[in-house]
Amino acid sequence: MIIRVFRATVREDRIQDFKVFLTDSAIPHVRRQPGLVSVTAGLPRPDSPATFCVVMVWESVAALQAFAGQDWEQPHVLPEEDPMVLSRQIDHYDMIGLIS
């Protein structure tokens, strides 16, 4: 399994817009994708008010490629997202199992 961590730093005047976009459009879009195991969104903390995080777990690289395309190591950006975001970061990790 592959863990995909997406972070977006949003324009200060678009924080509420991005929160609505994330909860109403982006997360539902990701949840419909075959091969997605889980998705969890993190809202900004007071010490970093403009940074959002989404953690996804995918069954395989093939499932992730079906969602994000051949260039799956880059962020998958919906068109309506672009004007709200200043920067994006994406990281991938091989899952080693559940640690408790």
C-alpha atoms as a PDB file:
ATOM      1  CA  MET A   1       0.000   0.000   0.000  1.00  0.00           C
ATOM      2  CA  ILE A   2       1.058   3.576  -0.690  1.00  0.00           C
ATOM      3  CA  ILE A   3       0.535   6.531   1.648  1.00  0.00           C
ATOM      4  CA  ARG A   4       0.110   9.837  -0.206  1.00  0.00           C
ATOM      5  CA  VAL A   5       0.435  13.041   1.849  1.00  0.00           C
ATOM      6  CA  PHE A   6      -0.738  16.237   0.148  1.00  0.00           C
ATOM      7  CA  ARG A   7      -0.236  19.680   1.664  1.00  0.00           C
ATOM      8  CA  ALA A   8      -1.580  22.945   0.262  1.00  0.00           C
ATOM      9  CA  THR A   9      -0.734  26.420   1.454  1.00  0.00           C
ATOM     10  CA  VAL A  10      -3.720  28.584   0.655  1.00  0.00           C
ATOM     11  CA  ARG A  11      -4.061  32.320   0.096  1.00  0.00           C
ATOM     12  CA  GLU A  12      -5.037  33.984   3.384  1.00  0.00           C
ATOM     13  CA  ASP A  13      -8.188  35.474   1.864  1.00  0.00           C
ATOM     14  CA  ARG A  14      -9.275  32.074   0.453  1.00  0.00           C
ATOM     15  CA  ILE A  15      -8.959  29.845   3.533  1.00  0.00           C
ATOM     16  CA  GLN A  16     -12.720  29.450   4.021  1.00  0.00           C
ATOM     17  CA  ASP A  17     -13.244  28.923   0.268  1.00  0.00           C
ATOM     18  CA  PHE A  18     -10.619  26.178   0.240  1.00  0.00           C
ATOM     19  CA  LYS A  19     -12.167  24.495   3.280  1.00  0.00           C
ATOM     20  CA  VAL A  20     -15.522  24.366   1.448  1.00  0.00           C
ATOM     21  CA  PHE A  21     -13.821  23.131  -1.736  1.00  0.00           C
ATOM     22  CA  LEU A  22     -11.959  20.432   0.197  1.00  0.00           C
ATOM     23  CA  THR A  23     -14.995  19.130   2.087  1.00  0.00           C
ATOM     24  CA  ASP A  24     -17.579  19.511  -0.700  1.00  0.00           C
ATOM     25  CA  SER A  25     -15.560  18.704  -3.851  1.00  0.00           C
ATOM     26  CA  ALA A  26     -12.041  17.339  -3.420  1.00  0.00           C
ATOM     27  CA  ILE A  27     -12.629  14.733  -0.686  1.00  0.00           C
ATOM     28  CA  PRO A  28     -15.817  13.349  -2.311  1.00  0.00           C
ATOM     29  CA  HIS A  29     -13.929  13.174  -5.641  1.00  0.00           C
ATOM     30  CA  VAL A  30     -11.098  11.163  -4.075  1.00  0.00           C
ATOM     31  CA  ARG A  31     -13.485   8.872  -2.166  1.00  0.00           C
ATOM     32  CA  ARG A  32     -15.057   7.748  -5.463  1.00  0.00           C
ATOM     33  CA  GLN A  33     -11.756   6.440  -6.812  1.00  0.00           C
ATOM     34  CA  PRO A  34     -11.205   2.689  -7.097  1.00  0.00           C
ATOM     35  CA  GLY A  35      -8.255   1.492  -5.059  1.00  0.00           C
ATOM     36  CA  LEU A  36      -8.539   4.136  -2.358  1.00  0.00           C
ATOM     37  CA  VAL A  37      -8.293   2.572   1.104  1.00  0.00           C
ATOM     38  CA  SER A  38      -8.741   5.731   3.198  1.00  0.00           C
ATOM     39  CA  VAL A  39      -8.604   9.511   3.099  1.00  0.00           C
ATOM     40  CA  THR A  40      -8.233  11.887   6.036  1.00  0.00           C
ATOM     41  CA  ALA A  41      -8.169  15.673   5.801  1.00  0.00           C
ATOM     42  CA  GLY A  42      -6.453  17.999   8.241  1.00  0.00           C
ATOM     43  CA  LEU A  43      -7.579  21.585   8.670  1.00  0.00           C
ATOM     44  CA  PRO A  44      -5.095  24.345   9.494  1.00  0.00           C
ATOM     45  CA  ARG A  45      -3.916  24.783  13.068  1.00  0.00           C
ATOM     46  CA  PRO A  46      -3.672  28.266  14.597  1.00  0.00           C
ATOM     47  CA  ASP A  47       0.147  28.200  14.298  1.00  0.00           C
ATOM     48  CA  SER A  48      -0.084  27.475  10.543  1.00  0.00           C
ATOM     49  CA  PRO A  49      -3.391  28.988   9.523  1.00  0.00           C
ATOM     50  CA  ALA A  50      -3.088  28.593   5.778  1.00  0.00           C
ATOM     51  CA  THR A  51      -1.836  24.990   5.403  1.00  0.00           C
ATOM     52  CA  PHE A  52      -4.201  22.069   4.783  1.00  0.00           C
ATOM     53  CA  CYS A  53      -3.212  18.397   4.678  1.00  0.00           C
ATOM     54  CA  VAL A  54      -4.812  15.334   3.093  1.00  0.00           C
ATOM     55  CA  VAL A  55      -3.504  11.831   3.851  1.00  0.00           C
ATOM     56  CA  MET A  56      -4.593   9.070   1.497  1.00  0.00           C
ATOM     57  CA  VAL A  57      -3.839   5.369   1.504  1.00  0.00           C
ATOM     58  CA  TRP A  58      -3.974   3.591  -1.845  1.00  0.00           C
ATOM     59  CA  GLU A  59      -3.971  -0.155  -2.513  1.00  0.00           C
ATOM     60  CA  SER A  60      -1.108   0.112  -5.009  1.00  0.00           C
ATOM     61  CA  VAL A  61       0.862   2.390  -7.275  1.00  0.00           C
ATOM     62  CA  ALA A  62      -1.350   1.167 -10.126  1.00  0.00           C
ATOM     63  CA  ALA A  63      -4.470   2.399  -8.290  1.00  0.00           C
ATOM     64  CA  LEU A  64      -2.779   5.718  -7.584  1.00  0.00           C
ATOM     65  CA  GLN A  65      -1.758   6.017 -11.245  1.00  0.00           C
ATOM     66  CA  ALA A  66      -5.355   5.371 -12.318  1.00  0.00           C
ATOM     67  CA  PHE A  67      -6.354   8.379 -10.188  1.00  0.00           C
ATOM     68  CA  ALA A  68      -3.442  10.783 -10.745  1.00  0.00           C
ATOM     69  CA  GLY A  69      -2.056   9.637 -14.112  1.00  0.00           C
ATOM     70  CA  GLN A  70       1.390   8.466 -15.133  1.00  0.00           C
ATOM     71  CA  ASP A  71       2.942  11.439 -13.356  1.00  0.00           C
ATOM     72  CA  TRP A  72       1.411  10.193 -10.082  1.00  0.00           C
ATOM     73  CA  GLU A  73       4.248  11.587  -7.964  1.00  0.00           C
ATOM     74  CA  GLN A  74       2.952  15.102  -8.675  1.00  0.00           C
ATOM     75  CA  PRO A  75      -0.157  16.673  -7.086  1.00  0.00           C
ATOM     76  CA  HIS A  76      -3.491  15.923  -8.769  1.00  0.00           C
ATOM     77  CA  VAL A  77      -5.084  19.377  -9.053  1.00  0.00           C
ATOM     78  CA  LEU A  78      -8.722  20.087  -9.812  1.00  0.00           C
ATOM     79  CA  PRO A  79      -9.142  23.273 -11.924  1.00  0.00           C
ATOM     80  CA  GLU A  80     -11.188  25.143  -9.318  1.00  0.00           C
ATOM     81  CA  GLU A  81      -8.419  24.599  -6.746  1.00  0.00           C
ATOM     82  CA  ASP A  82      -5.663  26.439  -8.569  1.00  0.00           C
ATOM     83  CA  PRO A  83      -6.641  30.093  -7.852  1.00  0.00           C
ATOM     84  CA  MET A  84      -6.855  29.411  -4.097  1.00  0.00           C
ATOM     85  CA  VAL A  85      -3.450  27.759  -3.609  1.00  0.00           C
ATOM     86  CA  LEU A  86      -0.046  29.395  -3.201  1.00  0.00           C
ATOM     87  CA  SER A  87       1.980  26.164  -3.038  1.00  0.00           C
ATOM     88  CA  ARG A  88       1.611  22.380  -2.878  1.00  0.00           C
ATOM     89  CA  GLN A  89       3.729  19.590  -1.503  1.00  0.00           C
ATOM     90  CA  ILE A  90       3.234  15.894  -2.119  1.00  0.00           C
ATOM     91  CA  ASP A  91       5.039  12.967  -0.509  1.00  0.00           C
ATOM     92  CA  HIS A  92       4.670   9.203  -0.869  1.00  0.00           C
ATOM     93  CA  TYR A  93       5.537   6.388   1.515  1.00  0.00           C
ATOM     94  CA  ASP A  94       5.349   2.605   1.434  1.00  0.00           C
ATOM     95  CA  MET A  95       3.016   1.483   4.197  1.00  0.00           C
ATOM     96  CA  ILE A  96       4.580  -0.874   6.719  1.00  0.00           C
ATOM     97  CA  GLY A  97       1.440  -1.723   8.623  1.00  0.00           C
ATOM     98  CA  LEU A  98      -0.618  -0.419  11.466  1.00  0.00           C
ATOM     99  CA  ILE A  99       1.396   0.576  14.504  1.00  0.00           C
ATOM    100  CA  SER A 100      -0.394   0.803  17.824  1.00  0.00           C
END
